[in-house]
Amino acid sequence: MKRSLPARFLQSLTLERISYRSKSTSFIGLGRMGYEMAHNLFSKQYANAQDAHFIVCDAVPERAQAFSASFLTRFPGAKIAIARTPEEATLASQNIITMLPSSREVKTVYNDGIVPTLKKLSSTSHNTLCIDSTTLNVDVACQVARDVVDTNSQMIDAPVSGGVTGAKAGTLSILVGGTEPAFNLASPILANMGQRIIHCGPSGAGLGAKICNNLILGVQQIVVGEAMLLGEKLGLDPAVLASVVSSSTGSCWSVSVNNPVPKSLPEKSPPCERGYEGGFATSLMLKDMGLATDIAATVGSPLPLGEAAESLYARVIQEEPDLSQKDFSSIYRYLSKASSEGRKVRVAQETRGIS
């Protein structure tokens, strides 16, 4: 019987020591979303197969250590270990999931770590499945997928929708781009992290769908903040206004789930109830708006509201840097402060790209 992997850094992995690779899953990237996704994935895999092995890897080692400690507290018999690098995570597992901040990190993790390691694995790498849930540039994702496929492995792009709340509850919508065989191979894994698994088309299609979705969301959250603030100025109770809009034509996720005004959703706990902590960071929404405006410019699709929203998120971060890592609904706080100070909020296109 193979010994359980200790919850510590893996040391000098060799092919002789990774005979458990076919039973192992690596998760690289334990940020707000990745942490919850990995926890759901590993919990359900462990429930179905207690001989499964789990590997976690993060650029911040303390995150991986905290995850392992937490997981072992709940599942004392679990075989979980910490990889120091993406190379170690790739050597250790046949299934590799990445959830990273942006295109830059994806290129680094895959080009410098995963792909070269798959090439070294040679004939064994054709069994490897890579799933990237990062929201990133479509061209970068397609190139990375081609590089992975060239090693006789398979890859899908699988960005998610549903926020940290959905990640924690396991109710994410997962938008997949890739071949039909790769999608079928990945679906059982993805089902441990999400509720709706949608095959959007070939490589890059999942990202295209996600970028369009977040374009809507980014614009939507701003106008919800505007409307809630206007309602406050008109003397409306925020809970009453939220209830009215949620049951009317203005109903949307930003009103009924991610409402930016404290006490507007008495039966829920959106980030505004926690000082806008624990949600989708404003800096990440700015990144996603940039992805939308960049690809729209490439294909010649006009985005007047998208460009204005991108500029406003950039201005918020420029003028109030502390909101950069707050949930993006904190734009309401920015608007409210401007109102109380009698300042007009102007959107200037030249603010684009500020991070």
Protein backbone atom coordinates (compact mmCIF):
# COMPACT_ATOMS: atom_id res chain seq x y z
CA MET A 1 0.00 0.00 0.00
CA LYS A 2 1.34 3.44 -0.89
CA ARG A 3 2.03 5.77 1.97
CA SER A 4 -0.03 8.92 2.32
CA LEU A 5 1.62 12.10 1.13
CA PRO A 6 2.42 14.35 4.08
CA ALA A 7 1.02 17.90 4.10
CA ARG A 8 4.38 19.55 3.46
CA PHE A 9 6.41 20.73 0.51
CA LEU A 10 7.15 17.98 -2.01
CA GLN A 11 10.86 17.44 -2.35
CA SER A 12 12.62 16.55 -5.63
CA LEU A 13 9.77 14.63 -7.22
CA THR A 14 10.89 11.87 -9.57
CA LEU A 15 8.89 9.59 -11.83
CA GLU A 16 9.58 6.69 -9.45
CA ARG A 17 7.88 8.57 -6.63
CA ILE A 18 4.77 9.59 -8.56
CA SER A 19 3.17 6.27 -9.40
CA TYR A 20 0.03 7.72 -7.81
CA ARG A 21 -0.16 10.37 -10.58
CA SER A 22 -3.25 8.83 -12.18
CA LYS A 23 -5.09 9.14 -8.85
CA SER A 24 -3.93 12.67 -8.14
CA THR A 25 -5.34 16.14 -8.81
CA SER A 26 -3.31 19.34 -8.56
CA PHE A 27 -4.86 22.76 -8.00
CA ILE A 28 -2.64 25.76 -8.73
CA GLY A 29 -3.85 29.18 -7.51
CA LEU A 30 -5.60 29.51 -4.15
CA GLY A 31 -6.97 33.04 -4.27
CA ARG A 32 -10.51 33.95 -3.23
CA MET A 33 -12.09 31.85 -5.96
CA GLY A 34 -9.48 29.12 -6.24
CA TYR A 35 -9.49 28.32 -2.53
CA GLU A 36 -13.23 27.63 -2.50
CA MET A 37 -13.18 25.76 -5.81
CA ALA A 38 -10.32 23.52 -4.68
CA HIS A 39 -12.04 22.81 -1.37
CA ASN A 40 -15.24 21.69 -3.09
CA LEU A 41 -13.36 19.64 -5.67
CA PHE A 42 -11.15 17.82 -3.17
CA SER A 43 -13.97 17.29 -0.66
CA LYS A 44 -16.17 15.58 -3.23
CA GLN A 45 -13.34 13.60 -4.78
CA TYR A 46 -12.30 12.39 -1.31
CA ALA A 47 -15.88 11.36 -0.54
CA ASN A 48 -15.94 9.25 -3.71
CA ALA A 49 -12.41 7.83 -3.53
CA GLN A 50 -10.49 7.98 -0.28
CA ASP A 51 -7.32 6.79 -1.99
CA ALA A 52 -7.24 9.96 -4.11
CA HIS A 53 -4.22 12.26 -3.80
CA PHE A 54 -4.43 16.05 -3.73
CA ILE A 55 -1.75 18.63 -4.45
CA VAL A 56 -2.02 22.38 -3.88
CA CYS A 57 0.31 25.07 -5.14
CA ASP A 58 0.26 28.84 -4.79
CA ALA A 59 2.71 31.69 -5.34
CA VAL A 60 2.14 32.54 -1.67
CA PRO A 61 3.22 29.38 0.23
CA GLU A 62 1.25 30.38 3.32
CA ARG A 63 -2.01 30.05 1.37
CA ALA A 64 -1.20 26.48 0.41
CA GLN A 65 -0.19 25.68 3.98
CA ALA A 66 -3.41 27.17 5.35
CA PHE A 67 -5.49 25.24 2.81
CA SER A 68 -3.79 21.93 3.64
CA ALA A 69 -4.17 22.47 7.37
CA SER A 70 -7.85 23.34 7.00
CA PHE A 71 -8.55 20.39 4.71
CA LEU A 72 -6.79 17.92 7.01
CA THR A 73 -8.76 19.23 9.97
CA ARG A 74 -11.96 18.28 8.17
CA PHE A 75 -10.60 15.14 6.50
CA PRO A 76 -7.82 13.77 8.75
CA GLY A 77 -7.14 10.80 6.48
CA ALA A 78 -6.78 12.79 3.27
CA LYS A 79 -3.62 12.44 1.19
CA ILE A 80 -2.77 16.07 0.51
CA ALA A 81 0.58 17.68 -0.16
CA ILE A 82 1.96 21.07 -1.12
CA ALA A 83 3.95 21.57 -4.32
CA ARG A 84 6.49 24.36 -4.30
CA THR A 85 6.25 24.94 -8.04
CA PRO A 86 3.93 24.25 -11.01
CA GLU A 87 6.56 21.75 -12.21
CA GLU A 88 6.13 19.68 -9.04
CA ALA A 89 2.36 19.95 -9.27
CA THR A 90 2.49 18.68 -12.86
CA LEU A 91 4.79 15.78 -12.03
CA ALA A 92 2.47 14.76 -9.23
CA SER A 93 -0.90 14.80 -11.00
CA GLN A 94 -2.66 13.69 -14.14
CA ASN A 95 -5.37 16.34 -13.68
CA ILE A 96 -4.21 19.94 -13.27
CA ILE A 97 -6.53 22.87 -12.54
CA THR A 98 -5.25 26.45 -12.60
CA MET A 99 -7.07 29.52 -11.28
CA LEU A 100 -4.76 32.51 -11.68
CA PRO A 101 -5.09 36.31 -11.63
CA SER A 102 -4.42 37.19 -15.28
CA SER A 103 -2.79 36.39 -18.63
CA ARG A 104 0.67 37.15 -17.27
CA GLU A 105 0.50 34.51 -14.56
CA VAL A 106 -1.02 31.95 -16.93
CA LYS A 107 1.84 32.43 -19.41
CA THR A 108 4.40 32.06 -16.63
CA VAL A 109 2.83 28.98 -15.02
CA TYR A 110 2.28 27.16 -18.30
CA ASN A 111 5.22 28.31 -20.43
CA ASP A 112 7.82 28.05 -17.68
CA GLY A 113 6.36 25.21 -15.63
CA ILE A 114 3.58 22.98 -16.87
CA VAL A 115 4.38 22.66 -20.59
CA PRO A 116 8.13 21.93 -20.22
CA THR A 117 7.30 19.34 -17.55
CA LEU A 118 4.72 17.65 -19.76
CA LYS A 119 7.36 17.42 -22.49
CA LYS A 120 9.70 15.68 -20.03
CA LEU A 121 6.97 13.21 -19.11
CA SER A 122 6.88 12.27 -22.81
CA SER A 123 4.73 9.20 -23.42
CA THR A 124 2.93 9.47 -20.08
CA SER A 125 1.75 13.05 -20.65
CA HIS A 126 -1.00 12.10 -23.10
CA ASN A 127 -3.14 11.17 -20.08
CA THR A 128 -2.84 14.67 -18.63
CA LEU A 129 -5.80 17.05 -18.60
CA CYS A 130 -5.23 20.76 -17.96
CA ILE A 131 -8.17 22.95 -16.94
CA ASP A 132 -7.60 26.69 -16.76
CA SER A 133 -10.34 28.71 -15.04
CA THR A 134 -8.55 32.05 -15.26
CA THR A 135 -10.29 34.92 -17.03
CA LEU A 136 -7.61 36.03 -19.49
CA ASN A 137 -6.87 37.19 -23.02
CA VAL A 138 -8.42 34.81 -25.56
CA ASP A 139 -5.34 34.77 -27.80
CA VAL A 140 -3.09 33.87 -24.86
CA ALA A 141 -5.45 31.08 -23.82
CA CYS A 142 -5.56 29.61 -27.33
CA GLN A 143 -1.77 29.66 -27.65
CA VAL A 144 -1.30 28.01 -24.25
CA ALA A 145 -3.84 25.34 -25.23
CA ARG A 146 -1.96 24.65 -28.46
CA ASP A 147 1.29 24.28 -26.52
CA VAL A 148 -0.32 21.82 -24.09
CA VAL A 149 -1.92 19.79 -26.89
CA ASP A 150 1.48 19.60 -28.63
CA THR A 151 2.67 17.52 -25.64
CA ASN A 152 -0.09 14.96 -26.37
CA SER A 153 -2.11 16.26 -23.42
CA GLN A 154 -5.57 17.83 -23.42
CA MET A 155 -6.70 21.26 -22.28
CA ILE A 156 -9.84 23.33 -21.88
CA ASP A 157 -10.45 26.93 -20.89
CA ALA A 158 -13.13 26.91 -18.19
CA PRO A 159 -13.73 30.38 -16.70
CA VAL A 160 -16.46 30.56 -14.10
CA SER A 161 -19.37 32.81 -13.21
CA GLY A 162 -21.01 33.13 -9.81
CA GLY A 163 -18.47 34.92 -7.66
CA VAL A 164 -16.95 33.82 -4.37
CA THR A 165 -20.41 32.98 -3.05
CA GLY A 166 -21.02 30.58 -5.93
CA ALA A 167 -17.52 29.12 -5.61
CA LYS A 168 -18.10 28.38 -1.92
CA ALA A 169 -21.56 26.90 -2.53
CA GLY A 170 -20.42 24.87 -5.54
CA THR A 171 -23.06 26.52 -7.73
CA LEU A 172 -20.81 28.16 -10.31
CA SER A 173 -21.62 28.28 -13.99
CA ILE A 174 -18.56 26.99 -15.85
CA LEU A 175 -18.07 28.10 -19.45
CA VAL A 176 -15.93 25.67 -21.40
CA GLY A 177 -13.89 26.08 -24.55
CA GLY A 178 -12.14 23.07 -26.10
CA THR A 179 -12.66 19.89 -28.06
CA GLU A 180 -15.61 17.60 -27.41
CA PRO A 181 -13.39 14.79 -26.03
CA ALA A 182 -11.61 17.20 -23.68
CA PHE A 183 -14.96 18.60 -22.53
CA ASN A 184 -16.31 15.12 -21.83
CA LEU A 185 -13.15 14.23 -19.91
CA ALA A 186 -13.32 17.39 -17.82
CA SER A 187 -17.05 17.45 -17.12
CA PRO A 188 -17.01 15.08 -14.10
CA ILE A 189 -14.24 17.15 -12.51
CA LEU A 190 -16.00 20.44 -13.19
CA ALA A 191 -19.25 19.08 -11.75
CA ASN A 192 -17.56 19.04 -8.34
CA MET A 193 -17.15 22.82 -8.50
CA GLY A 194 -20.14 24.06 -10.46
CA GLN A 195 -23.81 23.53 -11.15
CA ARG A 196 -24.02 24.40 -14.84
CA ILE A 197 -21.30 23.17 -17.18
CA ILE A 198 -21.71 24.73 -20.63
CA HIS A 199 -19.64 23.76 -23.67
CA CYS A 200 -19.39 27.05 -25.56
CA GLY A 201 -17.30 25.84 -28.50
CA PRO A 202 -13.62 25.35 -29.42
CA SER A 203 -10.61 26.61 -27.48
CA GLY A 204 -11.16 30.21 -26.35
CA ALA A 205 -14.95 30.07 -26.62
CA GLY A 206 -15.43 29.73 -22.87
CA LEU A 207 -13.37 32.85 -22.35
CA GLY A 208 -15.26 34.73 -25.03
CA ALA A 209 -18.52 33.94 -23.25
CA LYS A 210 -17.07 34.92 -19.88
CA ILE A 211 -15.73 38.22 -21.18
CA CYS A 212 -19.15 39.11 -22.60
CA ASN A 213 -20.80 38.17 -19.32
CA ASN A 214 -18.42 40.26 -17.24
CA LEU A 215 -18.80 43.19 -19.62
CA ILE A 216 -22.50 43.19 -18.74
CA LEU A 217 -21.79 42.69 -15.05
CA GLY A 218 -19.22 45.50 -14.87
CA VAL A 219 -21.60 48.01 -16.41
CA GLN A 220 -24.53 46.66 -14.42
CA GLN A 221 -22.87 47.06 -11.03
CA ILE A 222 -22.18 50.73 -11.69
CA VAL A 223 -25.75 51.59 -12.62
CA VAL A 224 -27.06 49.64 -9.63
CA GLY A 225 -24.83 51.77 -7.42
CA GLU A 226 -26.12 54.90 -9.13
CA ALA A 227 -29.76 53.86 -8.73
CA MET A 228 -29.41 52.82 -5.08
CA LEU A 229 -27.70 56.11 -4.27
CA LEU A 230 -30.39 58.05 -6.11
CA GLY A 231 -33.04 56.16 -4.15
CA GLU A 232 -31.30 57.08 -0.91
CA LYS A 233 -31.34 60.74 -1.94
CA LEU A 234 -35.07 60.42 -2.61
CA GLY A 235 -35.65 59.06 0.87
CA LEU A 236 -36.26 55.43 -0.08
CA ASP A 237 -35.42 52.61 2.31
CA PRO A 238 -32.66 50.58 0.57
CA ALA A 239 -34.33 47.27 1.44
CA VAL A 240 -37.61 48.47 -0.05
CA LEU A 241 -35.91 49.74 -3.21
CA ALA A 242 -33.94 46.50 -3.60
CA SER A 243 -37.17 44.52 -3.22
CA VAL A 244 -38.96 46.67 -5.79
CA VAL A 245 -36.19 46.40 -8.37
CA SER A 246 -35.70 42.67 -7.76
CA SER A 247 -39.34 42.06 -8.63
CA SER A 248 -39.37 44.51 -11.55
CA THR A 249 -37.71 44.96 -14.92
CA GLY A 250 -34.47 46.20 -13.37
CA SER A 251 -33.90 42.88 -11.62
CA CYS A 252 -30.35 41.54 -11.87
CA TRP A 253 -27.65 39.79 -9.83
CA SER A 254 -26.09 43.11 -8.78
CA VAL A 255 -29.38 44.07 -7.11
CA SER A 256 -30.58 40.78 -5.65
CA VAL A 257 -27.27 39.16 -4.64
CA ASN A 258 -24.44 41.71 -4.75
CA ASN A 259 -26.37 44.81 -3.72
CA PRO A 260 -23.84 47.49 -2.73
CA VAL A 261 -25.89 49.08 0.09
CA PRO A 262 -25.75 47.69 3.64
CA LYS A 263 -29.10 46.42 4.98
CA SER A 264 -30.61 46.31 1.50
CA LEU A 265 -30.74 42.48 1.55
CA PRO A 266 -31.77 41.55 5.12
CA GLU A 267 -31.69 37.79 4.46
CA LYS A 268 -28.36 37.76 2.66
CA SER A 269 -24.79 38.81 3.37
CA PRO A 270 -23.26 40.57 0.35
CA PRO A 271 -19.74 42.02 0.59
CA CYS A 272 -21.10 45.46 1.56
CA GLU A 273 -22.06 43.97 4.93
CA ARG A 274 -18.39 43.14 5.54
CA GLY A 275 -16.83 46.41 4.50
CA TYR A 276 -16.83 45.15 0.87
CA GLU A 277 -14.44 42.34 1.77
CA GLY A 278 -14.52 38.82 0.37
CA GLY A 279 -15.96 39.48 -3.08
CA PHE A 280 -14.66 40.09 -6.60
CA ALA A 281 -11.92 42.71 -6.40
CA THR A 282 -12.36 46.02 -8.21
CA SER A 283 -8.91 45.56 -9.75
CA LEU A 284 -10.03 42.26 -11.27
CA MET A 285 -13.16 43.86 -12.71
CA LEU A 286 -10.98 46.56 -14.25
CA LYS A 287 -8.85 43.80 -15.78
CA ASP A 288 -11.94 42.09 -17.20
CA MET A 289 -13.31 45.33 -18.63
CA GLY A 290 -9.93 45.80 -20.30
CA LEU A 291 -10.15 42.32 -21.81
CA ALA A 292 -13.56 43.24 -23.24
CA THR A 293 -12.51 46.57 -24.71
CA ASP A 294 -9.31 45.09 -26.13
CA ILE A 295 -11.00 42.23 -27.93
CA ALA A 296 -13.85 44.50 -29.06
CA ALA A 297 -11.33 46.82 -30.66
CA THR A 298 -9.72 43.85 -32.40
CA VAL A 299 -12.98 42.66 -33.96
CA GLY A 300 -14.47 46.13 -34.48
CA SER A 301 -17.39 45.88 -32.06
CA PRO A 302 -18.39 49.20 -30.40
CA LEU A 303 -18.48 49.31 -26.59
CA PRO A 304 -19.54 52.84 -25.56
CA LEU A 305 -20.82 51.74 -22.13
CA GLY A 306 -18.01 49.25 -21.66
CA GLU A 307 -15.35 51.87 -22.32
CA ALA A 308 -17.04 54.32 -19.96
CA ALA A 309 -17.26 51.65 -17.24
CA GLU A 310 -13.63 50.68 -17.67
CA SER A 311 -12.60 54.30 -17.29
CA LEU A 312 -14.70 54.71 -14.16
CA TYR A 313 -13.23 51.62 -12.48
CA ALA A 314 -9.77 52.92 -13.32
CA ARG A 315 -10.58 56.31 -11.82
CA VAL A 316 -11.95 54.70 -8.65
CA ILE A 317 -8.71 52.79 -8.14
CA GLN A 318 -6.61 55.86 -8.97
CA GLU A 319 -8.43 58.13 -6.53
CA GLU A 320 -9.14 55.55 -3.78
CA PRO A 321 -6.45 52.84 -3.96
CA ASP A 322 -7.89 51.06 -0.92
CA LEU A 323 -10.89 50.05 -3.05
CA SER A 324 -8.64 48.14 -5.45
CA GLN A 325 -8.93 44.90 -3.45
CA LYS A 326 -12.45 45.56 -2.19
CA ASP A 327 -15.45 44.01 -3.92
CA PHE A 328 -16.26 45.92 -7.08
CA SER A 329 -19.67 46.87 -5.66
CA SER A 330 -17.65 49.33 -3.54
CA ILE A 331 -18.00 51.69 -6.50
CA TYR A 332 -21.19 52.68 -4.66
CA ARG A 333 -19.00 53.89 -1.81
CA TYR A 334 -16.99 55.97 -4.26
CA LEU A 335 -20.15 57.51 -5.73
CA SER A 336 -21.62 58.16 -2.28
CA LYS A 337 -18.45 59.88 -1.11
CA ALA A 338 -18.36 62.05 -4.23
CA SER A 339 -21.97 63.01 -3.61
CA SER A 340 -21.37 63.95 0.01
CA GLU A 341 -18.41 66.08 -1.04
CA GLY A 342 -20.37 67.77 -3.83
CA ARG A 343 -17.99 66.45 -6.49
CA LYS A 344 -19.05 65.57 -10.01
CA VAL A 345 -17.92 62.17 -11.25
CA ARG A 346 -16.37 62.55 -14.68
CA VAL A 347 -15.27 59.63 -16.79
CA ALA A 348 -12.09 60.33 -18.74
CA GLN A 349 -10.94 57.86 -21.37
CA GLU A 350 -7.31 58.60 -20.65
CA THR A 351 -7.64 56.83 -17.26
CA ARG A 352 -7.78 53.49 -19.05
CA GLY A 353 -5.13 51.05 -17.98
CA ILE A 354 -4.57 52.45 -14.50
CA SER A 355 -4.19 49.59 -12.05
